[in-house]
Amino acid sequence: MRARLRPTTVLARGVLLDPGVLPLGEADVPSEGAKYELKLHHLHSGETLDVVYRIGDTYVPGAIDKLDHFLRDSRTQDEKAYDPSEFDLLHNLMTRLGKPHGIIDIVCGYRTPWSNEFLRTRSSNTGVAKNSQHVQAKAIDIRVPGVRTRNLRDAALSLDAGGVGYYPRSQFVHVDVGPVRQWTFAGRGED
């Protein structure tokens, strides 16, 4: 069964995606249609991934699996299935920046409850939320080479989609598909 989609918003720099549908298997992925790709570099593992994760309004299950593995907890190597709309959020952010084929540096993806608690308790000034969207596989901390952190934050806020955390000292932006909200953390640590 396919979900109904809202019309996409067209911007001067491209089309912003609304959530797509995740089919039961690869056989249900269309061969024709616009292809949406993400180019990622993980700062902890050193891995890179260039993947077409969606064709038209349909997510590609094998590509989503690769993204889930790529964004695994860097401390425990555990994986969790990401909310695919997080990938659309990344695509929309890169489109808004005018860099739809640019590389995104991943600072942090999924975190197990253990890793989240480890980060939260390693000092009193970490900026790690107790109920982090990272634990739900709905958040990613990012940098975009060549884009100032402040400009990345502003572009993320302009999407009005999910949470946006600005970490100017650590030079990254947190983006998630949870409730719309924003914050700035000027202390040390990561979220």
N, C-alpha and C. Protein backbone atom coordinates (compact mmCIF):
# COMPACT_ATOMS: atom_id res chain seq x y z
N MET A 1 0.84 -1.17 0.00
CA MET A 1 0.00 0.00 0.00
C MET A 1 0.89 1.23 0.00
N ARG A 2 0.58 2.18 -0.81
CA ARG A 2 1.38 3.40 -0.94
C ARG A 2 0.73 4.54 -0.17
N ALA A 3 1.55 5.34 0.47
CA ALA A 3 1.05 6.49 1.21
C ALA A 3 0.80 7.65 0.24
N ARG A 4 -0.14 8.50 0.59
CA ARG A 4 -0.41 9.71 -0.19
C ARG A 4 0.67 10.73 0.13
N LEU A 5 1.09 11.46 -0.86
CA LEU A 5 2.12 12.47 -0.67
C LEU A 5 1.53 13.86 -0.87
N ARG A 6 2.07 14.80 -0.12
CA ARG A 6 1.72 16.20 -0.34
C ARG A 6 2.53 16.71 -1.52
N PRO A 7 2.08 17.75 -2.21
CA PRO A 7 2.88 18.30 -3.30
C PRO A 7 4.21 18.82 -2.76
N THR A 8 5.24 18.72 -3.56
CA THR A 8 6.55 19.22 -3.14
C THR A 8 6.60 20.73 -3.29
N THR A 9 7.49 21.33 -2.55
CA THR A 9 7.70 22.77 -2.61
C THR A 9 8.85 23.05 -3.57
N VAL A 10 8.63 23.92 -4.52
CA VAL A 10 9.69 24.25 -5.47
C VAL A 10 10.37 25.54 -5.01
N LEU A 11 11.68 25.49 -4.91
CA LEU A 11 12.47 26.65 -4.52
C LEU A 11 13.31 27.11 -5.69
N ALA A 12 13.92 28.25 -5.52
CA ALA A 12 14.81 28.76 -6.56
C ALA A 12 15.95 27.79 -6.82
N ARG A 13 16.35 27.03 -5.81
CA ARG A 13 17.49 26.13 -5.95
C ARG A 13 17.09 24.68 -6.19
N GLY A 14 15.83 24.37 -6.29
CA GLY A 14 15.46 22.99 -6.56
C GLY A 14 14.19 22.58 -5.84
N VAL A 15 13.89 21.30 -5.92
CA VAL A 15 12.67 20.75 -5.35
C VAL A 15 12.97 20.17 -3.97
N LEU A 16 12.13 20.52 -3.01
CA LEU A 16 12.22 19.91 -1.69
C LEU A 16 11.29 18.70 -1.66
N LEU A 17 11.79 17.62 -1.12
CA LEU A 17 11.04 16.38 -1.10
C LEU A 17 10.12 16.28 0.10
N ASP A 18 8.95 15.74 -0.11
CA ASP A 18 8.09 15.31 0.97
C ASP A 18 8.40 13.84 1.22
N PRO A 19 7.96 13.30 2.36
CA PRO A 19 8.26 11.89 2.62
C PRO A 19 7.78 10.97 1.50
N GLY A 20 8.58 9.95 1.24
CA GLY A 20 8.24 8.96 0.23
C GLY A 20 7.63 7.72 0.87
N VAL A 21 7.66 6.64 0.13
CA VAL A 21 7.13 5.36 0.64
C VAL A 21 8.24 4.32 0.59
N LEU A 22 8.24 3.44 1.57
CA LEU A 22 9.21 2.36 1.63
C LEU A 22 8.50 1.08 1.19
N PRO A 23 8.87 0.54 0.03
CA PRO A 23 8.19 -0.66 -0.46
C PRO A 23 8.64 -1.90 0.31
N LEU A 24 7.93 -2.98 0.09
CA LEU A 24 8.27 -4.24 0.76
C LEU A 24 9.59 -4.82 0.27
N GLY A 25 9.92 -4.58 -0.99
CA GLY A 25 11.16 -5.14 -1.53
C GLY A 25 11.65 -4.37 -2.74
N GLU A 26 12.84 -4.76 -3.21
CA GLU A 26 13.46 -4.10 -4.36
C GLU A 26 12.60 -4.20 -5.62
N ALA A 27 11.84 -5.28 -5.76
CA ALA A 27 11.02 -5.48 -6.96
C ALA A 27 9.97 -4.38 -7.10
N ASP A 28 9.63 -3.71 -6.00
CA ASP A 28 8.61 -2.67 -6.03
C ASP A 28 9.18 -1.28 -6.27
N VAL A 29 10.50 -1.18 -6.48
CA VAL A 29 11.14 0.11 -6.74
C VAL A 29 11.05 0.41 -8.23
N PRO A 30 10.56 1.58 -8.60
CA PRO A 30 10.46 1.89 -10.04
C PRO A 30 11.85 2.03 -10.67
N SER A 31 11.94 1.70 -11.93
CA SER A 31 13.21 1.87 -12.63
C SER A 31 13.32 3.26 -13.24
N GLU A 32 12.20 3.93 -13.41
CA GLU A 32 12.17 5.26 -13.98
C GLU A 32 11.78 6.27 -12.91
N GLY A 33 12.21 7.49 -13.10
CA GLY A 33 11.86 8.56 -12.17
C GLY A 33 13.09 9.30 -11.71
N ALA A 34 12.87 10.43 -11.07
CA ALA A 34 13.99 11.22 -10.55
C ALA A 34 14.74 10.42 -9.50
N LYS A 35 16.06 10.47 -9.58
CA LYS A 35 16.90 9.75 -8.64
C LYS A 35 17.47 10.74 -7.63
N TYR A 36 17.39 10.37 -6.35
CA TYR A 36 17.88 11.22 -5.26
C TYR A 36 19.02 10.51 -4.57
N GLU A 37 20.14 11.23 -4.46
CA GLU A 37 21.37 10.61 -3.98
C GLU A 37 21.91 11.39 -2.79
N LEU A 38 22.63 10.67 -1.94
CA LEU A 38 23.36 11.28 -0.84
C LEU A 38 24.82 10.87 -0.94
N LYS A 39 25.71 11.84 -0.69
CA LYS A 39 27.15 11.57 -0.64
C LYS A 39 27.60 11.91 0.77
N LEU A 40 28.05 10.88 1.48
CA LEU A 40 28.38 11.04 2.89
C LEU A 40 29.81 10.61 3.18
N HIS A 41 30.42 11.27 4.15
CA HIS A 41 31.74 10.88 4.65
C HIS A 41 31.64 10.86 6.17
N HIS A 42 31.96 9.71 6.78
CA HIS A 42 31.87 9.58 8.24
C HIS A 42 33.21 9.95 8.86
N LEU A 43 33.20 10.96 9.71
CA LEU A 43 34.44 11.47 10.30
C LEU A 43 35.08 10.50 11.28
N HIS A 44 34.31 9.58 11.88
CA HIS A 44 34.88 8.63 12.85
C HIS A 44 35.42 7.37 12.17
N SER A 45 34.67 6.84 11.23
CA SER A 45 35.09 5.58 10.59
C SER A 45 35.98 5.82 9.37
N GLY A 46 35.91 7.03 8.80
CA GLY A 46 36.65 7.31 7.57
C GLY A 46 35.96 6.78 6.32
N GLU A 47 34.80 6.14 6.49
CA GLU A 47 34.07 5.56 5.36
C GLU A 47 33.37 6.65 4.55
N THR A 48 33.16 6.37 3.28
CA THR A 48 32.35 7.23 2.43
C THR A 48 31.24 6.39 1.80
N LEU A 49 30.16 7.05 1.46
CA LEU A 49 29.03 6.38 0.84
C LEU A 49 28.40 7.35 -0.15
N ASP A 50 28.20 6.86 -1.36
CA ASP A 50 27.51 7.61 -2.41
C ASP A 50 26.39 6.69 -2.87
N VAL A 51 25.14 7.04 -2.56
CA VAL A 51 24.05 6.11 -2.79
C VAL A 51 22.79 6.84 -3.27
N VAL A 52 22.12 6.23 -4.27
CA VAL A 52 20.79 6.68 -4.67
C VAL A 52 19.83 5.99 -3.71
N TYR A 53 19.22 6.78 -2.85
CA TYR A 53 18.38 6.21 -1.79
C TYR A 53 16.88 6.25 -2.12
N ARG A 54 16.55 6.96 -3.21
CA ARG A 54 15.14 7.14 -3.55
C ARG A 54 15.01 7.37 -5.04
N ILE A 55 13.98 6.75 -5.64
CA ILE A 55 13.63 6.98 -7.04
C ILE A 55 12.18 7.42 -7.06
N GLY A 56 11.96 8.63 -7.57
CA GLY A 56 10.61 9.20 -7.52
C GLY A 56 10.18 9.35 -6.08
N ASP A 57 9.03 8.79 -5.74
CA ASP A 57 8.56 8.88 -4.36
C ASP A 57 8.80 7.59 -3.58
N THR A 58 9.66 6.72 -4.12
CA THR A 58 9.89 5.40 -3.51
C THR A 58 11.33 5.26 -3.02
N TYR A 59 11.48 4.93 -1.74
CA TYR A 59 12.80 4.66 -1.19
C TYR A 59 13.31 3.33 -1.72
N VAL A 60 14.61 3.21 -1.84
CA VAL A 60 15.25 1.99 -2.33
C VAL A 60 15.70 1.19 -1.09
N PRO A 61 15.04 0.06 -0.80
CA PRO A 61 15.34 -0.69 0.44
C PRO A 61 16.81 -1.03 0.63
N GLY A 62 17.50 -1.48 -0.41
CA GLY A 62 18.92 -1.83 -0.28
C GLY A 62 19.77 -0.62 0.06
N ALA A 63 19.42 0.53 -0.49
CA ALA A 63 20.15 1.76 -0.19
C ALA A 63 19.87 2.22 1.24
N ILE A 64 18.64 2.07 1.68
CA ILE A 64 18.30 2.43 3.07
C ILE A 64 19.09 1.54 4.03
N ASP A 65 19.22 0.26 3.70
CA ASP A 65 20.03 -0.65 4.53
C ASP A 65 21.49 -0.19 4.59
N LYS A 66 22.03 0.25 3.45
CA LYS A 66 23.41 0.75 3.43
C LYS A 66 23.55 2.00 4.30
N LEU A 67 22.57 2.89 4.23
CA LEU A 67 22.60 4.10 5.05
C LEU A 67 22.51 3.76 6.53
N ASP A 68 21.66 2.81 6.89
CA ASP A 68 21.54 2.38 8.29
C ASP A 68 22.88 1.84 8.79
N HIS A 69 23.55 1.04 7.97
CA HIS A 69 24.85 0.49 8.36
C HIS A 69 25.89 1.61 8.47
N PHE A 70 25.90 2.51 7.52
CA PHE A 70 26.85 3.60 7.50
C PHE A 70 26.71 4.48 8.75
N LEU A 71 25.48 4.69 9.19
CA LEU A 71 25.19 5.58 10.32
C LEU A 71 25.16 4.84 11.65
N ARG A 72 25.70 3.62 11.70
CA ARG A 72 25.70 2.81 12.92
C ARG A 72 26.43 3.53 14.05
N ASP A 73 26.18 3.08 15.26
CA ASP A 73 26.85 3.62 16.44
C ASP A 73 28.34 3.37 16.31
N SER A 74 29.12 4.42 16.35
CA SER A 74 30.57 4.27 16.12
C SER A 74 31.28 3.63 17.32
N ARG A 75 30.64 3.58 18.47
CA ARG A 75 31.26 2.96 19.64
C ARG A 75 30.95 1.47 19.73
N THR A 76 29.69 1.08 19.46
CA THR A 76 29.27 -0.32 19.63
C THR A 76 29.11 -1.08 18.32
N GLN A 77 29.06 -0.36 17.20
CA GLN A 77 28.82 -0.90 15.86
C GLN A 77 27.38 -1.40 15.68
N ASP A 78 26.49 -1.11 16.64
CA ASP A 78 25.08 -1.50 16.51
C ASP A 78 24.40 -0.62 15.47
N GLU A 79 23.44 -1.21 14.78
CA GLU A 79 22.66 -0.50 13.76
C GLU A 79 21.21 -0.42 14.20
N LYS A 80 20.53 0.57 13.66
CA LYS A 80 19.09 0.69 13.86
C LYS A 80 18.51 1.27 12.58
N ALA A 81 17.30 0.86 12.23
CA ALA A 81 16.65 1.36 11.02
C ALA A 81 16.29 2.83 11.20
N TYR A 82 16.85 3.66 10.34
CA TYR A 82 16.57 5.09 10.37
C TYR A 82 15.20 5.39 9.80
N ASP A 83 14.60 6.46 10.28
CA ASP A 83 13.41 7.00 9.67
C ASP A 83 13.87 7.57 8.32
N PRO A 84 13.39 7.04 7.18
CA PRO A 84 13.87 7.50 5.87
C PRO A 84 13.66 8.99 5.62
N SER A 85 12.72 9.60 6.33
CA SER A 85 12.53 11.03 6.12
C SER A 85 13.74 11.84 6.60
N GLU A 86 14.61 11.24 7.44
CA GLU A 86 15.86 11.90 7.81
C GLU A 86 16.75 12.07 6.58
N PHE A 87 16.71 11.10 5.67
CA PHE A 87 17.52 11.20 4.45
C PHE A 87 16.96 12.27 3.52
N ASP A 88 15.63 12.38 3.49
CA ASP A 88 15.01 13.47 2.72
C ASP A 88 15.39 14.82 3.32
N LEU A 89 15.46 14.89 4.64
CA LEU A 89 15.86 16.13 5.30
C LEU A 89 17.28 16.52 4.87
N LEU A 90 18.19 15.54 4.82
CA LEU A 90 19.55 15.83 4.35
C LEU A 90 19.54 16.31 2.90
N HIS A 91 18.77 15.62 2.06
CA HIS A 91 18.66 16.00 0.65
C HIS A 91 18.11 17.44 0.55
N ASN A 92 17.04 17.72 1.30
CA ASN A 92 16.44 19.05 1.24
C ASN A 92 17.41 20.12 1.72
N LEU A 93 18.18 19.79 2.74
CA LEU A 93 19.16 20.75 3.25
C LEU A 93 20.23 21.05 2.21
N MET A 94 20.74 20.01 1.56
CA MET A 94 21.75 20.22 0.52
C MET A 94 21.17 20.98 -0.67
N THR A 95 19.91 20.73 -1.00
CA THR A 95 19.24 21.47 -2.06
C THR A 95 19.11 22.94 -1.68
N ARG A 96 18.72 23.19 -0.44
CA ARG A 96 18.57 24.57 0.04
C ARG A 96 19.91 25.30 0.00
N LEU A 97 21.01 24.57 0.26
CA LEU A 97 22.34 25.16 0.22
C LEU A 97 22.85 25.36 -1.21
N GLY A 98 22.12 24.83 -2.19
CA GLY A 98 22.58 24.91 -3.58
C GLY A 98 23.68 23.91 -3.88
N LYS A 99 23.77 22.84 -3.08
CA LYS A 99 24.80 21.81 -3.24
C LYS A 99 24.14 20.42 -3.27
N PRO A 100 23.20 20.18 -4.20
CA PRO A 100 22.49 18.90 -4.18
C PRO A 100 23.39 17.69 -4.40
N HIS A 101 24.60 17.89 -4.92
CA HIS A 101 25.52 16.77 -5.13
C HIS A 101 26.75 16.89 -4.23
N GLY A 102 26.65 17.74 -3.21
CA GLY A 102 27.76 17.95 -2.29
C GLY A 102 27.91 16.83 -1.28
N ILE A 103 29.04 16.84 -0.61
CA ILE A 103 29.34 15.82 0.40
C ILE A 103 28.94 16.34 1.78
N ILE A 104 28.36 15.45 2.56
CA ILE A 104 28.00 15.76 3.95
C ILE A 104 28.95 14.98 4.85
N ASP A 105 29.62 15.68 5.76
CA ASP A 105 30.45 15.03 6.76
C ASP A 105 29.57 14.65 7.94
N ILE A 106 29.63 13.38 8.32
CA ILE A 106 28.84 12.88 9.44
C ILE A 106 29.68 12.91 10.70
N VAL A 107 29.22 13.64 11.69
CA VAL A 107 29.88 13.68 13.00
C VAL A 107 29.33 12.57 13.88
N CYS A 108 28.01 12.40 13.85
CA CYS A 108 27.36 11.37 14.67
C CYS A 108 26.03 10.98 14.04
N GLY A 109 25.78 9.69 13.97
CA GLY A 109 24.50 9.19 13.49
C GLY A 109 23.76 8.53 14.64
N TYR A 110 23.43 7.27 14.46
CA TYR A 110 22.70 6.52 15.50
C TYR A 110 23.57 6.35 16.74
N ARG A 111 22.93 6.41 17.91
CA ARG A 111 23.58 6.10 19.18
C ARG A 111 22.72 5.13 19.95
N THR A 112 23.33 4.07 20.45
CA THR A 112 22.61 3.17 21.35
C THR A 112 22.32 3.92 22.64
N PRO A 113 21.37 3.43 23.43
CA PRO A 113 21.15 4.05 24.74
C PRO A 113 22.44 4.07 25.57
N TRP A 114 23.24 3.01 25.49
CA TRP A 114 24.50 2.96 26.23
C TRP A 114 25.43 4.09 25.80
N SER A 115 25.62 4.26 24.48
CA SER A 115 26.50 5.32 23.98
C SER A 115 25.99 6.70 24.36
N ASN A 116 24.68 6.89 24.27
CA ASN A 116 24.11 8.18 24.62
C ASN A 116 24.38 8.50 26.09
N GLU A 117 24.17 7.53 26.95
CA GLU A 117 24.40 7.74 28.38
C GLU A 117 25.88 7.96 28.66
N PHE A 118 26.74 7.22 27.97
CA PHE A 118 28.18 7.40 28.11
C PHE A 118 28.56 8.84 27.79
N LEU A 119 28.05 9.38 26.68
CA LEU A 119 28.35 10.75 26.30
C LEU A 119 27.75 11.77 27.27
N ARG A 120 26.55 11.48 27.74
CA ARG A 120 25.88 12.39 28.66
C ARG A 120 26.61 12.51 29.99
N THR A 121 27.17 11.41 30.47
CA THR A 121 27.74 11.39 31.81
C THR A 121 29.25 11.57 31.85
N ARG A 122 29.88 11.69 30.71
CA ARG A 122 31.34 11.81 30.74
C ARG A 122 31.80 13.16 31.28
N SER A 123 30.92 14.14 31.26
CA SER A 123 31.15 15.42 31.95
C SER A 123 29.80 16.10 32.11
N SER A 124 29.76 17.13 32.91
CA SER A 124 28.49 17.81 33.15
C SER A 124 28.13 18.79 32.04
N ASN A 125 28.99 18.96 31.07
CA ASN A 125 28.79 19.99 30.06
C ASN A 125 28.91 19.42 28.65
N THR A 126 28.13 18.37 28.35
CA THR A 126 28.27 17.70 27.06
C THR A 126 27.28 18.17 26.01
N GLY A 127 26.11 18.64 26.41
CA GLY A 127 25.10 19.03 25.45
C GLY A 127 24.36 17.85 24.84
N VAL A 128 24.48 16.67 25.45
CA VAL A 128 23.81 15.47 24.95
C VAL A 128 22.49 15.30 25.69
N ALA A 129 21.39 15.24 24.95
CA ALA A 129 20.06 15.12 25.55
C ALA A 129 19.84 13.71 26.09
N LYS A 130 19.15 13.62 27.21
CA LYS A 130 18.83 12.32 27.81
C LYS A 130 17.97 11.48 26.85
N ASN A 131 17.00 12.11 26.23
CA ASN A 131 16.10 11.41 25.30
C ASN A 131 16.41 11.84 23.87
N SER A 132 17.65 11.70 23.48
CA SER A 132 18.13 12.15 22.18
C SER A 132 17.44 11.45 21.01
N GLN A 133 17.18 12.22 19.97
CA GLN A 133 16.64 11.66 18.73
C GLN A 133 17.64 10.70 18.07
N HIS A 134 18.93 10.80 18.43
CA HIS A 134 19.93 9.88 17.90
C HIS A 134 19.60 8.44 18.30
N VAL A 135 19.09 8.24 19.50
CA VAL A 135 18.76 6.90 20.01
C VAL A 135 17.60 6.31 19.22
N GLN A 136 16.75 7.15 18.68
CA GLN A 136 15.61 6.69 17.88
C GLN A 136 15.94 6.59 16.39
N ALA A 137 17.20 6.84 16.02
CA ALA A 137 17.63 6.84 14.60
C ALA A 137 16.82 7.86 13.80
N LYS A 138 16.70 9.06 14.39
CA LYS A 138 15.99 10.15 13.74
C LYS A 138 16.82 11.43 13.73
N ALA A 139 18.14 11.31 13.98
CA ALA A 139 18.98 12.51 14.06
C ALA A 139 20.38 12.21 13.52
N ILE A 140 21.00 13.24 12.97
CA ILE A 140 22.37 13.16 12.49
C ILE A 140 23.04 14.50 12.77
N ASP A 141 24.28 14.45 13.25
CA ASP A 141 25.09 15.65 13.43
C ASP A 141 26.00 15.76 12.22
N ILE A 142 26.03 16.94 11.60
CA ILE A 142 26.70 17.08 10.31
C ILE A 142 27.54 18.35 10.19
N ARG A 143 28.41 18.31 9.20
CA ARG A 143 29.13 19.47 8.67
C ARG A 143 29.05 19.34 7.15
N VAL A 144 29.15 20.44 6.46
CA VAL A 144 29.22 20.41 5.00
C VAL A 144 30.48 21.18 4.61
N PRO A 145 31.46 20.49 4.03
CA PRO A 145 32.69 21.18 3.64
C PRO A 145 32.40 22.40 2.77
N GLY A 146 33.06 23.52 3.13
CA GLY A 146 32.89 24.75 2.38
C GLY A 146 31.71 25.60 2.82
N VAL A 147 30.93 25.11 3.80
CA VAL A 147 29.78 25.87 4.29
C VAL A 147 30.02 26.18 5.76
N ARG A 148 29.94 27.45 6.11
CA ARG A 148 30.11 27.85 7.51
C ARG A 148 29.01 27.22 8.36
N THR A 149 29.36 26.84 9.57
CA THR A 149 28.40 26.18 10.46
C THR A 149 27.16 27.06 10.66
N ARG A 150 27.34 28.34 10.82
CA ARG A 150 26.21 29.25 11.01
C ARG A 150 25.30 29.23 9.79
N ASN A 151 25.87 29.20 8.59
CA ASN A 151 25.06 29.15 7.36
C ASN A 151 24.33 27.82 7.23
N LEU A 152 24.99 26.74 7.66
CA LEU A 152 24.35 25.42 7.65
C LEU A 152 23.15 25.42 8.59
N ARG A 153 23.34 25.98 9.78
CA ARG A 153 22.23 26.10 10.74
C ARG A 153 21.09 26.90 10.14
N ASP A 154 21.40 28.04 9.54
CA ASP A 154 20.35 28.90 8.98
C ASP A 154 19.57 28.18 7.88
N ALA A 155 20.27 27.42 7.04
CA ALA A 155 19.59 26.66 5.98
C ALA A 155 18.70 25.59 6.59
N ALA A 156 19.18 24.91 7.63
CA ALA A 156 18.37 23.88 8.29
C ALA A 156 17.13 24.50 8.92
N LEU A 157 17.29 25.65 9.58
CA LEU A 157 16.14 26.32 10.19
C LEU A 157 15.12 26.75 9.14
N SER A 158 15.59 27.14 7.96
CA SER A 158 14.67 27.61 6.92
C SER A 158 13.76 26.51 6.41
N LEU A 159 14.14 25.25 6.64
CA LEU A 159 13.29 24.13 6.20
C LEU A 159 12.08 23.95 7.12
N ASP A 160 12.17 24.45 8.36
CA ASP A 160 11.09 24.32 9.33
C ASP A 160 10.62 22.87 9.45
N ALA A 161 11.62 21.98 9.60
CA ALA A 161 11.33 20.55 9.64
C ALA A 161 12.19 19.87 10.70
N GLY A 162 11.63 19.57 11.85
CA GLY A 162 12.37 18.86 12.88
C GLY A 162 13.24 19.77 13.72
N GLY A 163 14.15 19.13 14.46
CA GLY A 163 15.01 19.86 15.37
C GLY A 163 16.31 20.28 14.71
N VAL A 164 16.78 21.45 15.10
CA VAL A 164 18.04 21.98 14.61
C VAL A 164 18.84 22.46 15.81
N GLY A 165 19.96 21.81 16.05
CA GLY A 165 20.85 22.23 17.12
C GLY A 165 22.12 22.81 16.53
N TYR A 166 22.54 23.93 17.06
CA TYR A 166 23.72 24.64 16.57
C TYR A 166 24.82 24.52 17.62
N TYR A 167 25.96 23.95 17.21
CA TYR A 167 27.10 23.72 18.09
C TYR A 167 28.30 24.48 17.53
N PRO A 168 28.35 25.80 17.74
CA PRO A 168 29.39 26.62 17.12
C PRO A 168 30.81 26.27 17.58
N ARG A 169 30.96 25.90 18.82
CA ARG A 169 32.30 25.56 19.31
C ARG A 169 32.81 24.27 18.70
N SER A 170 31.94 23.28 18.59
CA SER A 170 32.32 21.99 18.00
C SER A 170 32.17 21.99 16.48
N GLN A 171 31.59 23.05 15.93
CA GLN A 171 31.46 23.24 14.49
C GLN A 171 30.63 22.16 13.80
N PHE A 172 29.42 21.92 14.31
CA PHE A 172 28.49 21.03 13.61
C PHE A 172 27.07 21.47 13.89
N VAL A 173 26.15 20.91 13.09
CA VAL A 173 24.72 21.17 13.24
C VAL A 173 24.02 19.82 13.40
N HIS A 174 23.13 19.76 14.36
CA HIS A 174 22.28 18.59 14.59
C HIS A 174 21.00 18.81 13.80
N VAL A 175 20.59 17.82 13.00
CA VAL A 175 19.31 17.87 12.29
C VAL A 175 18.55 16.58 12.58
N ASP A 176 17.26 16.73 12.91
CA ASP A 176 16.46 15.54 13.18
C ASP A 176 15.05 15.72 12.66
N VAL A 177 14.31 14.62 12.62
CA VAL A 177 12.93 14.65 12.13
C VAL A 177 11.93 14.52 13.28
N GLY A 178 12.36 14.92 14.46
CA GLY A 178 11.45 14.99 15.61
C GLY A 178 10.63 16.28 15.52
N PRO A 179 10.09 16.70 16.66
CA PRO A 179 9.31 17.95 16.68
C PRO A 179 10.16 19.15 16.25
N VAL A 180 9.52 20.15 15.66
CA VAL A 180 10.21 21.36 15.24
C VAL A 180 10.63 22.13 16.48
N ARG A 181 11.96 22.38 16.59
CA ARG A 181 12.52 23.12 17.70
C ARG A 181 13.94 23.50 17.33
N GLN A 182 14.55 24.39 18.12
CA GLN A 182 15.93 24.78 17.86
C GLN A 182 16.63 25.10 19.17
N TRP A 183 17.96 24.97 19.16
CA TRP A 183 18.76 25.31 20.32
C TRP A 183 20.19 25.58 19.88
N THR A 184 20.92 26.23 20.76
CA THR A 184 22.34 26.47 20.56
C THR A 184 23.07 25.95 21.78
N PHE A 185 24.16 25.24 21.56
CA PHE A 185 24.99 24.76 22.66
C PHE A 185 26.39 25.26 22.43
N ALA A 186 26.82 26.17 23.26
CA ALA A 186 28.14 26.77 23.08
C ALA A 186 29.21 26.10 23.92
N GLY A 187 28.83 25.10 24.72
CA GLY A 187 29.80 24.40 25.55
C GLY A 187 30.55 23.35 24.76
N ARG A 188 31.23 22.49 25.46
CA ARG A 188 31.99 21.42 24.81
C ARG A 188 31.12 20.19 24.70
N GLY A 189 31.44 19.31 23.77
CA GLY A 189 30.72 18.06 23.63
C GLY A 189 29.98 17.98 22.32
N GLU A 190 29.15 16.97 22.22
CA GLU A 190 28.38 16.75 20.99
C GLU A 190 26.99 16.30 21.35
N ASP A 191 26.06 16.47 20.44
CA ASP A 191 24.70 15.97 20.64
C ASP A 191 24.41 14.93 19.60
